[in-house]
């Protein structure tokens, strides 16, 4: 599973990883978030109404679910169970809250957190989307700072300062090879995370 703060480049990295590693399968999350113009229902997310999402929660259909930035996201149990039963490696793109739930249910899973190289770069990427108002961008930055305090809960951390290098590190992790930023080499990451989460 892969988690990151908004603007860290998680979605772009996951898409590139899927292109380079065709044997991987992507777990498509359910969400109540509004569909963006470039997104396709059933490819990027399953876009559902809040009432339908709540029904699925009540029915116990999610392996994990969380509310992020006023929108709900969830991973369907059936989708994950079918993929694993078929011997497929599955990529889950989730937030730190969902990651905690997945780790509790499936402790054997591998977790990866993606960090941006700096707050300035994170802000530049969020503004570069040109889809959010100023107050939304400020809130996303505040939420991102809070999200990044959870980096140490993950097995691996990838710093997305150079896209191709970050992608190579993800491929190493998927292949079972230790990239530079493993649990054993965290001093520099701790310093970076402190800078990123400092207001």
N, C-alpha and C. Protein backbone atom coordinates (compact mmCIF):
# COMPACT_ATOMS: atom_id res chain seq x y z
N UNK A 1 0.84 -1.19 0.00
CA UNK A 1 0.00 0.00 0.00
C UNK A 1 0.88 1.25 0.00
N UNK A 2 0.38 2.28 -0.65
CA UNK A 2 1.14 3.51 -0.82
C UNK A 2 0.30 4.68 -0.32
N UNK A 3 0.89 5.49 0.55
CA UNK A 3 0.21 6.67 1.09
C UNK A 3 1.11 7.88 0.92
N UNK A 4 0.49 9.07 0.95
CA UNK A 4 1.24 10.31 0.79
C UNK A 4 0.33 11.48 1.09
N UNK A 5 0.91 12.63 1.42
CA UNK A 5 0.08 13.83 1.55
C UNK A 5 -0.36 14.31 0.18
N UNK A 6 -1.43 15.07 0.13
CA UNK A 6 -1.90 15.64 -1.14
C UNK A 6 -0.81 16.49 -1.76
N UNK A 7 -0.52 16.23 -3.04
CA UNK A 7 0.49 17.01 -3.75
C UNK A 7 1.87 16.38 -3.80
N UNK A 8 2.05 15.23 -3.15
CA UNK A 8 3.37 14.59 -3.13
C UNK A 8 3.69 13.84 -4.41
N UNK A 9 2.67 13.63 -5.26
CA UNK A 9 2.90 12.93 -6.52
C UNK A 9 2.56 11.45 -6.48
N UNK A 10 1.81 11.03 -5.48
CA UNK A 10 1.48 9.62 -5.32
C UNK A 10 0.75 9.04 -6.53
N UNK A 11 -0.29 9.73 -6.98
CA UNK A 11 -1.10 9.18 -8.08
C UNK A 11 -0.27 9.03 -9.35
N UNK A 12 0.54 10.03 -9.67
CA UNK A 12 1.39 9.95 -10.86
C UNK A 12 2.39 8.81 -10.75
N UNK A 13 2.97 8.64 -9.58
CA UNK A 13 3.93 7.56 -9.39
C UNK A 13 3.26 6.19 -9.50
N UNK A 14 2.09 6.06 -8.91
CA UNK A 14 1.39 4.77 -8.97
C UNK A 14 1.02 4.43 -10.42
N UNK A 15 0.55 5.42 -11.16
CA UNK A 15 0.21 5.17 -12.56
C UNK A 15 1.44 4.73 -13.36
N UNK A 16 2.57 5.40 -13.14
CA UNK A 16 3.80 5.03 -13.85
C UNK A 16 4.27 3.64 -13.41
N UNK A 17 4.13 3.33 -12.13
CA UNK A 17 4.51 2.01 -11.63
C UNK A 17 3.68 0.92 -12.29
N UNK A 18 2.38 1.16 -12.41
CA UNK A 18 1.50 0.18 -13.04
C UNK A 18 1.87 -0.05 -14.51
N UNK A 19 2.30 1.02 -15.18
CA UNK A 19 2.71 0.89 -16.59
C UNK A 19 3.98 0.08 -16.72
N UNK A 20 4.91 0.27 -15.80
CA UNK A 20 6.20 -0.43 -15.85
C UNK A 20 6.11 -1.86 -15.33
N UNK A 21 5.12 -2.12 -14.46
CA UNK A 21 4.97 -3.45 -13.85
C UNK A 21 3.56 -3.98 -14.14
N UNK A 22 3.35 -4.47 -15.37
CA UNK A 22 2.00 -4.89 -15.79
C UNK A 22 1.41 -6.04 -14.99
N UNK A 23 2.23 -6.78 -14.25
CA UNK A 23 1.71 -7.90 -13.45
C UNK A 23 0.99 -7.40 -12.20
N UNK A 24 1.24 -6.16 -11.81
CA UNK A 24 0.58 -5.59 -10.63
C UNK A 24 -0.88 -5.30 -10.92
N UNK A 25 -1.69 -5.35 -9.89
CA UNK A 25 -3.09 -4.97 -10.01
C UNK A 25 -3.33 -3.79 -9.08
N UNK A 26 -4.19 -2.89 -9.49
CA UNK A 26 -4.48 -1.68 -8.73
C UNK A 26 -5.84 -1.81 -8.06
N UNK A 27 -5.89 -1.58 -6.78
CA UNK A 27 -7.15 -1.61 -6.04
C UNK A 27 -7.86 -0.27 -6.22
N UNK A 28 -9.00 -0.30 -6.86
CA UNK A 28 -9.75 0.93 -7.13
C UNK A 28 -10.62 1.26 -5.93
N UNK A 29 -10.37 2.42 -5.33
CA UNK A 29 -11.11 2.81 -4.14
C UNK A 29 -12.48 3.38 -4.48
N UNK A 30 -13.36 3.32 -3.51
CA UNK A 30 -14.65 4.00 -3.59
C UNK A 30 -14.49 5.37 -2.94
N UNK A 31 -15.15 6.38 -3.48
CA UNK A 31 -15.07 7.70 -2.89
C UNK A 31 -16.35 8.50 -3.11
N UNK A 32 -16.57 9.41 -2.18
CA UNK A 32 -17.70 10.35 -2.32
C UNK A 32 -17.21 11.67 -2.93
N UNK A 33 -15.92 11.75 -3.22
CA UNK A 33 -15.37 12.97 -3.80
C UNK A 33 -15.92 13.22 -5.20
N UNK A 34 -16.03 14.48 -5.56
CA UNK A 34 -16.50 14.84 -6.89
C UNK A 34 -15.50 14.37 -7.95
N UNK A 35 -16.00 13.84 -9.02
CA UNK A 35 -15.16 13.33 -10.10
C UNK A 35 -14.52 14.49 -10.86
N UNK A 36 -13.19 14.42 -11.06
CA UNK A 36 -12.48 15.45 -11.81
C UNK A 36 -12.61 15.17 -13.30
N UNK A 37 -12.45 16.22 -14.15
CA UNK A 37 -12.65 16.05 -15.59
C UNK A 37 -11.79 14.96 -16.23
N UNK A 38 -10.58 14.75 -15.70
CA UNK A 38 -9.67 13.76 -16.30
C UNK A 38 -9.87 12.35 -15.75
N UNK A 39 -10.76 12.19 -14.76
CA UNK A 39 -10.93 10.90 -14.12
C UNK A 39 -12.04 10.08 -14.76
N UNK A 40 -11.88 8.77 -14.69
CA UNK A 40 -12.84 7.84 -15.27
C UNK A 40 -13.39 6.93 -14.16
N UNK A 41 -14.71 6.87 -14.06
CA UNK A 41 -15.35 5.99 -13.08
C UNK A 41 -14.98 4.54 -13.38
N UNK A 42 -14.51 3.85 -12.34
CA UNK A 42 -14.12 2.45 -12.52
C UNK A 42 -12.67 2.27 -12.90
N UNK A 43 -11.99 3.36 -13.24
CA UNK A 43 -10.55 3.29 -13.52
C UNK A 43 -9.78 4.00 -12.42
N UNK A 44 -10.15 5.24 -12.13
CA UNK A 44 -9.47 6.01 -11.08
C UNK A 44 -10.10 5.75 -9.71
N UNK A 45 -11.42 5.81 -9.67
CA UNK A 45 -12.20 5.56 -8.46
C UNK A 45 -13.56 5.02 -8.87
N UNK A 46 -14.26 4.45 -7.88
CA UNK A 46 -15.70 4.24 -8.02
C UNK A 46 -16.35 5.42 -7.30
N UNK A 47 -16.94 6.31 -8.05
CA UNK A 47 -17.55 7.50 -7.49
C UNK A 47 -18.98 7.18 -7.07
N UNK A 48 -19.25 7.31 -5.77
CA UNK A 48 -20.57 6.97 -5.25
C UNK A 48 -21.11 8.10 -4.39
N UNK A 49 -22.43 8.13 -4.22
CA UNK A 49 -23.07 9.12 -3.36
C UNK A 49 -22.75 8.79 -1.90
N UNK A 50 -22.83 9.81 -1.06
CA UNK A 50 -22.54 9.64 0.37
C UNK A 50 -23.42 8.56 0.99
N UNK A 51 -24.69 8.51 0.58
CA UNK A 51 -25.62 7.53 1.13
C UNK A 51 -25.20 6.09 0.79
N UNK A 52 -24.73 5.90 -0.44
CA UNK A 52 -24.27 4.57 -0.86
C UNK A 52 -23.02 4.17 -0.11
N UNK A 53 -22.12 5.13 0.09
CA UNK A 53 -20.89 4.86 0.83
C UNK A 53 -21.22 4.44 2.26
N UNK A 54 -22.12 5.17 2.89
CA UNK A 54 -22.51 4.86 4.26
C UNK A 54 -23.19 3.49 4.36
N UNK A 55 -23.95 3.13 3.32
CA UNK A 55 -24.58 1.81 3.30
C UNK A 55 -23.50 0.72 3.27
N UNK A 56 -22.45 0.95 2.46
CA UNK A 56 -21.37 -0.03 2.35
C UNK A 56 -20.61 -0.16 3.66
N UNK A 57 -20.42 0.96 4.35
CA UNK A 57 -19.77 0.92 5.66
C UNK A 57 -20.61 0.08 6.63
N UNK A 58 -21.91 0.36 6.67
CA UNK A 58 -22.82 -0.36 7.57
C UNK A 58 -22.86 -1.85 7.27
N UNK A 59 -22.70 -2.20 5.99
CA UNK A 59 -22.75 -3.60 5.57
C UNK A 59 -21.42 -4.32 5.77
N UNK A 60 -20.40 -3.59 6.20
CA UNK A 60 -19.09 -4.20 6.42
C UNK A 60 -18.38 -4.57 5.13
N UNK A 61 -18.64 -3.81 4.07
CA UNK A 61 -18.06 -4.14 2.77
C UNK A 61 -16.65 -3.59 2.56
N UNK A 62 -16.17 -2.74 3.48
CA UNK A 62 -14.85 -2.14 3.31
C UNK A 62 -13.80 -2.82 4.19
N UNK A 63 -12.63 -3.02 3.62
CA UNK A 63 -11.47 -3.48 4.38
C UNK A 63 -10.94 -2.31 5.21
N UNK A 64 -11.02 -1.13 4.64
CA UNK A 64 -10.66 0.10 5.34
C UNK A 64 -11.46 1.24 4.75
N UNK A 65 -11.67 2.26 5.56
CA UNK A 65 -12.31 3.47 5.04
C UNK A 65 -11.93 4.64 5.94
N UNK A 66 -11.92 5.83 5.36
CA UNK A 66 -11.53 7.02 6.11
C UNK A 66 -12.12 8.25 5.44
N UNK A 67 -12.18 9.32 6.21
CA UNK A 67 -12.61 10.60 5.68
C UNK A 67 -11.39 11.50 5.57
N UNK A 68 -11.16 12.01 4.37
CA UNK A 68 -10.01 12.86 4.09
C UNK A 68 -10.50 14.11 3.39
N UNK A 69 -10.23 15.26 4.00
CA UNK A 69 -10.60 16.54 3.40
C UNK A 69 -12.09 16.57 3.04
N UNK A 70 -12.92 16.13 3.97
CA UNK A 70 -14.38 16.15 3.87
C UNK A 70 -14.95 15.13 2.88
N UNK A 71 -14.10 14.27 2.34
CA UNK A 71 -14.57 13.23 1.43
C UNK A 71 -14.23 11.86 2.00
N UNK A 72 -15.09 10.88 1.71
CA UNK A 72 -14.87 9.53 2.22
C UNK A 72 -14.23 8.65 1.14
N UNK A 73 -13.34 7.77 1.59
CA UNK A 73 -12.64 6.83 0.70
C UNK A 73 -12.66 5.46 1.35
N UNK A 74 -12.76 4.41 0.54
CA UNK A 74 -12.76 3.07 1.10
C UNK A 74 -12.27 2.03 0.12
N UNK A 75 -11.71 0.95 0.66
CA UNK A 75 -11.23 -0.18 -0.13
C UNK A 75 -12.16 -1.36 0.10
N UNK A 76 -12.75 -1.87 -0.97
CA UNK A 76 -13.70 -2.98 -0.86
C UNK A 76 -12.98 -4.29 -0.52
N UNK A 77 -13.50 -5.00 0.48
CA UNK A 77 -12.92 -6.29 0.87
C UNK A 77 -12.90 -7.28 -0.28
N UNK A 78 -14.01 -7.35 -1.01
CA UNK A 78 -14.15 -8.35 -2.06
C UNK A 78 -13.07 -8.21 -3.12
N UNK A 79 -12.79 -6.96 -3.50
CA UNK A 79 -11.79 -6.72 -4.54
C UNK A 79 -10.41 -7.21 -4.11
N UNK A 80 -10.04 -6.91 -2.86
CA UNK A 80 -8.73 -7.32 -2.34
C UNK A 80 -8.66 -8.84 -2.21
N UNK A 81 -9.70 -9.43 -1.64
CA UNK A 81 -9.70 -10.88 -1.42
C UNK A 81 -9.62 -11.66 -2.73
N UNK A 82 -10.32 -11.17 -3.76
CA UNK A 82 -10.29 -11.86 -5.06
C UNK A 82 -8.90 -11.79 -5.68
N UNK A 83 -8.25 -10.63 -5.60
CA UNK A 83 -6.92 -10.48 -6.17
C UNK A 83 -5.90 -11.36 -5.46
N UNK A 84 -5.93 -11.35 -4.14
CA UNK A 84 -4.98 -12.15 -3.38
C UNK A 84 -5.22 -13.65 -3.58
N UNK A 85 -6.49 -14.04 -3.68
CA UNK A 85 -6.81 -15.45 -3.92
C UNK A 85 -6.29 -15.90 -5.28
N UNK A 86 -6.22 -14.95 -6.22
CA UNK A 86 -5.70 -15.27 -7.55
C UNK A 86 -4.19 -15.16 -7.65
N UNK A 87 -3.53 -14.90 -6.51
CA UNK A 87 -2.07 -14.82 -6.51
C UNK A 87 -1.50 -13.54 -7.09
N UNK A 88 -2.32 -12.50 -7.15
CA UNK A 88 -1.88 -11.23 -7.73
C UNK A 88 -1.36 -10.28 -6.66
N UNK A 89 -0.30 -9.55 -7.00
CA UNK A 89 0.18 -8.48 -6.13
C UNK A 89 -0.69 -7.26 -6.36
N UNK A 90 -1.17 -6.67 -5.29
CA UNK A 90 -2.15 -5.59 -5.38
C UNK A 90 -1.58 -4.31 -4.78
N UNK A 91 -1.77 -3.19 -5.50
CA UNK A 91 -1.36 -1.88 -5.01
C UNK A 91 -2.58 -1.16 -4.47
N UNK A 92 -2.49 -0.71 -3.21
CA UNK A 92 -3.55 0.09 -2.61
C UNK A 92 -3.03 1.52 -2.44
N UNK A 93 -3.74 2.47 -3.00
CA UNK A 93 -3.38 3.88 -2.87
C UNK A 93 -4.32 4.49 -1.84
N UNK A 94 -3.82 4.67 -0.61
CA UNK A 94 -4.69 5.09 0.49
C UNK A 94 -4.00 6.16 1.34
N UNK A 95 -4.70 6.63 2.38
CA UNK A 95 -4.11 7.60 3.29
C UNK A 95 -3.61 6.87 4.54
N UNK A 96 -2.98 7.62 5.45
CA UNK A 96 -2.37 6.98 6.63
C UNK A 96 -3.42 6.33 7.53
N UNK A 97 -4.64 6.90 7.57
CA UNK A 97 -5.68 6.30 8.40
C UNK A 97 -6.06 4.91 7.89
N UNK A 98 -6.25 4.84 6.57
CA UNK A 98 -6.56 3.55 5.96
C UNK A 98 -5.42 2.57 6.10
N UNK A 99 -4.19 3.08 6.01
CA UNK A 99 -3.01 2.22 6.14
C UNK A 99 -2.98 1.54 7.50
N UNK A 100 -3.36 2.27 8.54
CA UNK A 100 -3.40 1.68 9.88
C UNK A 100 -4.39 0.51 9.93
N UNK A 101 -5.54 0.71 9.30
CA UNK A 101 -6.56 -0.34 9.30
C UNK A 101 -6.10 -1.56 8.51
N UNK A 102 -5.43 -1.31 7.38
CA UNK A 102 -4.92 -2.42 6.56
C UNK A 102 -3.85 -3.20 7.32
N UNK A 103 -2.94 -2.49 7.97
CA UNK A 103 -1.89 -3.17 8.74
C UNK A 103 -2.48 -4.05 9.84
N UNK A 104 -3.55 -3.56 10.48
CA UNK A 104 -4.20 -4.34 11.54
C UNK A 104 -4.84 -5.60 10.98
N UNK A 105 -5.43 -5.48 9.79
CA UNK A 105 -6.12 -6.62 9.18
C UNK A 105 -5.17 -7.55 8.44
N UNK A 106 -4.09 -6.97 7.87
CA UNK A 106 -3.16 -7.74 7.05
C UNK A 106 -1.73 -7.33 7.40
N UNK A 107 -1.21 -7.77 8.53
CA UNK A 107 0.12 -7.33 8.98
C UNK A 107 1.26 -7.70 8.04
N UNK A 108 1.01 -8.62 7.12
CA UNK A 108 2.06 -9.04 6.19
C UNK A 108 2.24 -8.07 5.03
N UNK A 109 1.36 -7.09 4.90
CA UNK A 109 1.44 -6.16 3.77
C UNK A 109 2.66 -5.26 3.88
N UNK A 110 3.07 -4.71 2.76
CA UNK A 110 4.20 -3.78 2.71
C UNK A 110 3.65 -2.37 2.54
N UNK A 111 4.12 -1.45 3.38
CA UNK A 111 3.60 -0.08 3.33
C UNK A 111 4.69 0.91 2.93
N UNK A 112 4.29 1.87 2.09
CA UNK A 112 5.22 2.87 1.55
C UNK A 112 4.61 4.25 1.73
N UNK A 113 5.42 5.20 2.19
CA UNK A 113 4.97 6.58 2.33
C UNK A 113 5.82 7.45 1.41
N UNK A 114 5.15 8.33 0.66
CA UNK A 114 5.86 9.22 -0.26
C UNK A 114 5.90 10.62 0.32
N UNK A 115 7.10 11.19 0.39
CA UNK A 115 7.29 12.55 0.87
C UNK A 115 7.69 13.47 -0.27
N UNK A 116 7.25 14.72 -0.24
CA UNK A 116 7.77 15.70 -1.20
C UNK A 116 9.13 16.17 -0.72
N UNK A 117 9.93 16.79 -1.57
CA UNK A 117 11.27 17.23 -1.14
C UNK A 117 11.26 18.46 -0.23
N UNK A 118 10.19 19.26 -0.29
CA UNK A 118 10.11 20.47 0.53
C UNK A 118 8.67 20.97 0.58
N UNK A 119 8.38 21.84 1.55
CA UNK A 119 7.05 22.45 1.62
C UNK A 119 6.81 23.36 0.43
N UNK A 120 7.86 24.05 0.01
CA UNK A 120 7.73 24.96 -1.14
C UNK A 120 7.34 24.19 -2.40
N UNK A 121 7.96 23.03 -2.59
CA UNK A 121 7.64 22.22 -3.76
C UNK A 121 6.24 21.63 -3.64
N UNK A 122 5.86 21.24 -2.44
CA UNK A 122 4.50 20.72 -2.23
C UNK A 122 3.47 21.79 -2.58
N UNK A 123 3.70 23.03 -2.14
CA UNK A 123 2.78 24.12 -2.44
C UNK A 123 2.74 24.40 -3.94
N UNK A 124 3.92 24.34 -4.57
CA UNK A 124 3.97 24.59 -6.02
C UNK A 124 3.14 23.55 -6.77
N UNK A 125 3.22 22.30 -6.36
CA UNK A 125 2.47 21.24 -7.02
C UNK A 125 0.97 21.40 -6.80
N UNK A 126 0.58 21.76 -5.59
CA UNK A 126 -0.84 21.96 -5.31
C UNK A 126 -1.40 23.13 -6.12
N UNK A 127 -0.64 24.20 -6.21
CA UNK A 127 -1.09 25.35 -6.99
C UNK A 127 -1.08 25.05 -8.49
N UNK A 128 -0.17 24.18 -8.89
CA UNK A 128 -0.07 23.83 -10.31
C UNK A 128 -1.27 23.07 -10.84
N UNK A 129 -2.05 22.48 -9.94
CA UNK A 129 -3.27 21.79 -10.38
C UNK A 129 -4.29 22.76 -10.95
N UNK A 130 -4.27 23.99 -10.43
CA UNK A 130 -5.19 25.05 -10.88
C UNK A 130 -6.65 24.63 -10.78
N UNK A 131 -6.97 23.85 -9.75
CA UNK A 131 -8.35 23.39 -9.58
C UNK A 131 -8.96 23.85 -8.26
N UNK A 132 -8.14 24.41 -7.36
CA UNK A 132 -8.62 24.74 -6.03
C UNK A 132 -8.51 26.24 -5.73
N UNK A 133 -9.45 26.72 -4.93
CA UNK A 133 -9.40 28.11 -4.47
C UNK A 133 -8.29 28.26 -3.43
N UNK A 134 -7.93 29.50 -3.12
CA UNK A 134 -6.83 29.76 -2.19
C UNK A 134 -7.07 29.15 -0.81
N UNK A 135 -8.30 29.25 -0.29
CA UNK A 135 -8.57 28.70 1.03
C UNK A 135 -8.45 27.18 1.04
N UNK A 136 -8.79 26.56 -0.09
CA UNK A 136 -8.67 25.11 -0.21
C UNK A 136 -7.19 24.71 -0.24
N UNK A 137 -6.39 25.45 -0.97
CA UNK A 137 -4.95 25.17 -1.04
C UNK A 137 -4.32 25.28 0.34
N UNK A 138 -4.68 26.35 1.08
CA UNK A 138 -4.11 26.53 2.42
C UNK A 138 -4.49 25.36 3.33
N UNK A 139 -5.75 24.91 3.20
CA UNK A 139 -6.17 23.79 4.04
C UNK A 139 -5.46 22.51 3.63
N UNK A 140 -5.30 22.31 2.34
CA UNK A 140 -4.58 21.12 1.87
C UNK A 140 -3.15 21.11 2.40
N UNK A 141 -2.52 22.28 2.44
CA UNK A 141 -1.15 22.36 2.97
C UNK A 141 -1.12 22.03 4.46
N UNK A 142 -2.10 22.54 5.21
CA UNK A 142 -2.18 22.23 6.64
C UNK A 142 -2.43 20.74 6.86
N UNK A 143 -3.35 20.18 6.06
CA UNK A 143 -3.65 18.75 6.19
C UNK A 143 -2.43 17.90 5.81
N UNK A 144 -1.70 18.35 4.78
CA UNK A 144 -0.51 17.62 4.34
C UNK A 144 0.53 17.58 5.45
N UNK A 145 0.71 18.71 6.13
CA UNK A 145 1.67 18.76 7.24
C UNK A 145 1.30 17.76 8.32
N UNK A 146 0.00 17.67 8.63
CA UNK A 146 -0.47 16.71 9.63
C UNK A 146 -0.26 15.27 9.15
N UNK A 147 -0.57 15.02 7.88
CA UNK A 147 -0.40 13.67 7.32
C UNK A 147 1.05 13.21 7.40
N UNK A 148 1.98 14.13 7.13
CA UNK A 148 3.39 13.75 7.06
C UNK A 148 3.99 13.39 8.41
N UNK A 149 3.29 13.71 9.50
CA UNK A 149 3.79 13.30 10.82
C UNK A 149 3.70 11.78 11.01
N UNK A 150 3.01 11.10 10.12
CA UNK A 150 2.82 9.65 10.24
C UNK A 150 3.80 8.84 9.38
N UNK A 151 4.79 9.49 8.79
CA UNK A 151 5.71 8.82 7.88
C UNK A 151 6.42 7.63 8.52
N UNK A 152 6.74 7.74 9.82
CA UNK A 152 7.53 6.70 10.47
C UNK A 152 6.75 5.41 10.73
N UNK A 153 5.44 5.43 10.50
CA UNK A 153 4.63 4.23 10.68
C UNK A 153 4.78 3.25 9.51
N UNK A 154 5.44 3.69 8.44
CA UNK A 154 5.50 2.90 7.21
C UNK A 154 6.82 2.14 7.09
N UNK A 155 6.77 1.03 6.34
CA UNK A 155 7.96 0.20 6.14
C UNK A 155 9.03 0.93 5.33
N UNK A 156 8.59 1.66 4.32
CA UNK A 156 9.51 2.37 3.43
C UNK A 156 9.04 3.80 3.21
N UNK A 157 10.00 4.67 2.95
CA UNK A 157 9.70 6.06 2.62
C UNK A 157 10.44 6.40 1.33
N UNK A 158 9.73 6.98 0.39
CA UNK A 158 10.31 7.41 -0.88
C UNK A 158 10.15 8.93 -0.97
N UNK A 159 11.25 9.63 -1.19
CA UNK A 159 11.20 11.08 -1.35
C UNK A 159 11.07 11.38 -2.84
N UNK A 160 9.98 12.02 -3.21
CA UNK A 160 9.71 12.30 -4.63
C UNK A 160 10.32 13.65 -5.03
N UNK A 161 11.66 13.71 -5.02
CA UNK A 161 12.35 14.91 -5.49
C UNK A 161 12.70 14.79 -6.96
N UNK A 162 12.89 13.58 -7.42
CA UNK A 162 13.15 13.29 -8.83
C UNK A 162 12.23 12.13 -9.21
N UNK A 163 11.32 12.37 -10.15
CA UNK A 163 10.27 11.41 -10.44
C UNK A 163 10.82 10.04 -10.84
N UNK A 164 11.78 10.01 -11.76
CA UNK A 164 12.30 8.72 -12.23
C UNK A 164 13.02 7.96 -11.12
N UNK A 165 13.75 8.69 -10.29
CA UNK A 165 14.43 8.03 -9.18
C UNK A 165 13.42 7.49 -8.18
N UNK A 166 12.38 8.27 -7.89
CA UNK A 166 11.34 7.81 -6.96
C UNK A 166 10.64 6.57 -7.53
N UNK A 167 10.38 6.59 -8.82
CA UNK A 167 9.74 5.44 -9.47
C UNK A 167 10.63 4.20 -9.39
N UNK A 168 11.93 4.38 -9.59
CA UNK A 168 12.87 3.27 -9.49
C UNK A 168 12.87 2.68 -8.09
N UNK A 169 12.80 3.55 -7.08
CA UNK A 169 12.75 3.06 -5.70
C UNK A 169 11.47 2.26 -5.45
N UNK A 170 10.35 2.74 -5.98
CA UNK A 170 9.09 1.99 -5.83
C UNK A 170 9.20 0.62 -6.48
N UNK A 171 9.80 0.57 -7.66
CA UNK A 171 9.96 -0.71 -8.36
C UNK A 171 10.85 -1.66 -7.56
N UNK A 172 11.90 -1.11 -6.93
CA UNK A 172 12.77 -1.93 -6.09
C UNK A 172 11.99 -2.55 -4.93
N UNK A 173 11.14 -1.72 -4.30
CA UNK A 173 10.36 -2.21 -3.16
C UNK A 173 9.41 -3.32 -3.60
N UNK A 174 8.72 -3.10 -4.72
CA UNK A 174 7.78 -4.09 -5.23
C UNK A 174 8.49 -5.40 -5.58
N UNK A 175 9.73 -5.28 -6.06
CA UNK A 175 10.50 -6.47 -6.43
C UNK A 175 11.17 -7.14 -5.23
N UNK A 176 11.00 -6.54 -4.05
CA UNK A 176 11.60 -7.12 -2.85
C UNK A 176 13.03 -6.69 -2.61
N UNK A 177 13.47 -5.65 -3.33
CA UNK A 177 14.82 -5.13 -3.11
C UNK A 177 14.74 -3.89 -2.22
N UNK A 178 15.69 -3.75 -1.30
CA UNK A 178 15.69 -2.60 -0.38
C UNK A 178 16.20 -1.35 -1.09
N UNK A 179 15.37 -0.32 -1.19
CA UNK A 179 15.85 0.96 -1.75
C UNK A 179 16.64 1.71 -0.69
N UNK A 180 17.25 2.85 -1.02
CA UNK A 180 18.06 3.59 -0.05
C UNK A 180 17.31 3.98 1.22
N UNK A 181 16.03 4.36 1.09
CA UNK A 181 15.31 4.86 2.26
C UNK A 181 14.50 3.75 2.93
N UNK A 182 15.19 2.84 3.60
CA UNK A 182 14.50 1.77 4.31
C UNK A 182 14.43 2.11 5.79
N UNK A 183 13.88 1.22 6.58
CA UNK A 183 13.78 1.46 8.02
C UNK A 183 15.17 1.64 8.65
N UNK A 184 16.20 1.11 8.01
CA UNK A 184 17.53 1.15 8.61
C UNK A 184 18.24 2.48 8.37
N UNK A 185 17.72 3.32 7.48
CA UNK A 185 18.41 4.56 7.13
C UNK A 185 17.42 5.72 7.25
N UNK A 186 17.15 6.17 8.48
CA UNK A 186 16.06 7.10 8.68
C UNK A 186 16.46 8.45 9.26
N UNK A 187 17.72 8.65 9.58
CA UNK A 187 18.12 9.91 10.20
C UNK A 187 17.82 11.10 9.29
N UNK A 188 18.22 10.99 8.03
CA UNK A 188 17.97 12.07 7.09
C UNK A 188 16.50 12.28 6.82
N UNK A 189 15.74 11.19 6.80
CA UNK A 189 14.30 11.29 6.58
C UNK A 189 13.61 11.98 7.75
N UNK A 190 14.05 11.70 8.96
CA UNK A 190 13.47 12.33 10.14
C UNK A 190 13.68 13.84 10.09
N UNK A 191 14.87 14.25 9.66
CA UNK A 191 15.18 15.68 9.55
C UNK A 191 14.30 16.34 8.49
N UNK A 192 14.15 15.66 7.34
CA UNK A 192 13.29 16.18 6.27
C UNK A 192 11.85 16.27 6.74
N UNK A 193 11.35 15.23 7.38
CA UNK A 193 9.98 15.22 7.85
C UNK A 193 9.72 16.34 8.86
N UNK A 194 10.69 16.62 9.71
CA UNK A 194 10.56 17.71 10.68
C UNK A 194 10.42 19.05 9.96
N UNK A 195 11.23 19.25 8.93
CA UNK A 195 11.13 20.50 8.16
C UNK A 195 9.80 20.60 7.45
N UNK A 196 9.31 19.49 6.91
CA UNK A 196 8.07 19.49 6.15
C UNK A 196 6.86 19.76 7.03
N UNK A 197 6.89 19.30 8.25
CA UNK A 197 5.72 19.41 9.10
C UNK A 197 5.76 20.64 9.99
N UNK A 198 6.84 21.39 9.93
CA UNK A 198 6.95 22.61 10.72
C UNK A 198 6.20 23.73 10.03
N UNK A 199 5.30 24.38 10.73
CA UNK A 199 4.47 25.45 10.12
C UNK A 199 5.32 26.64 9.75
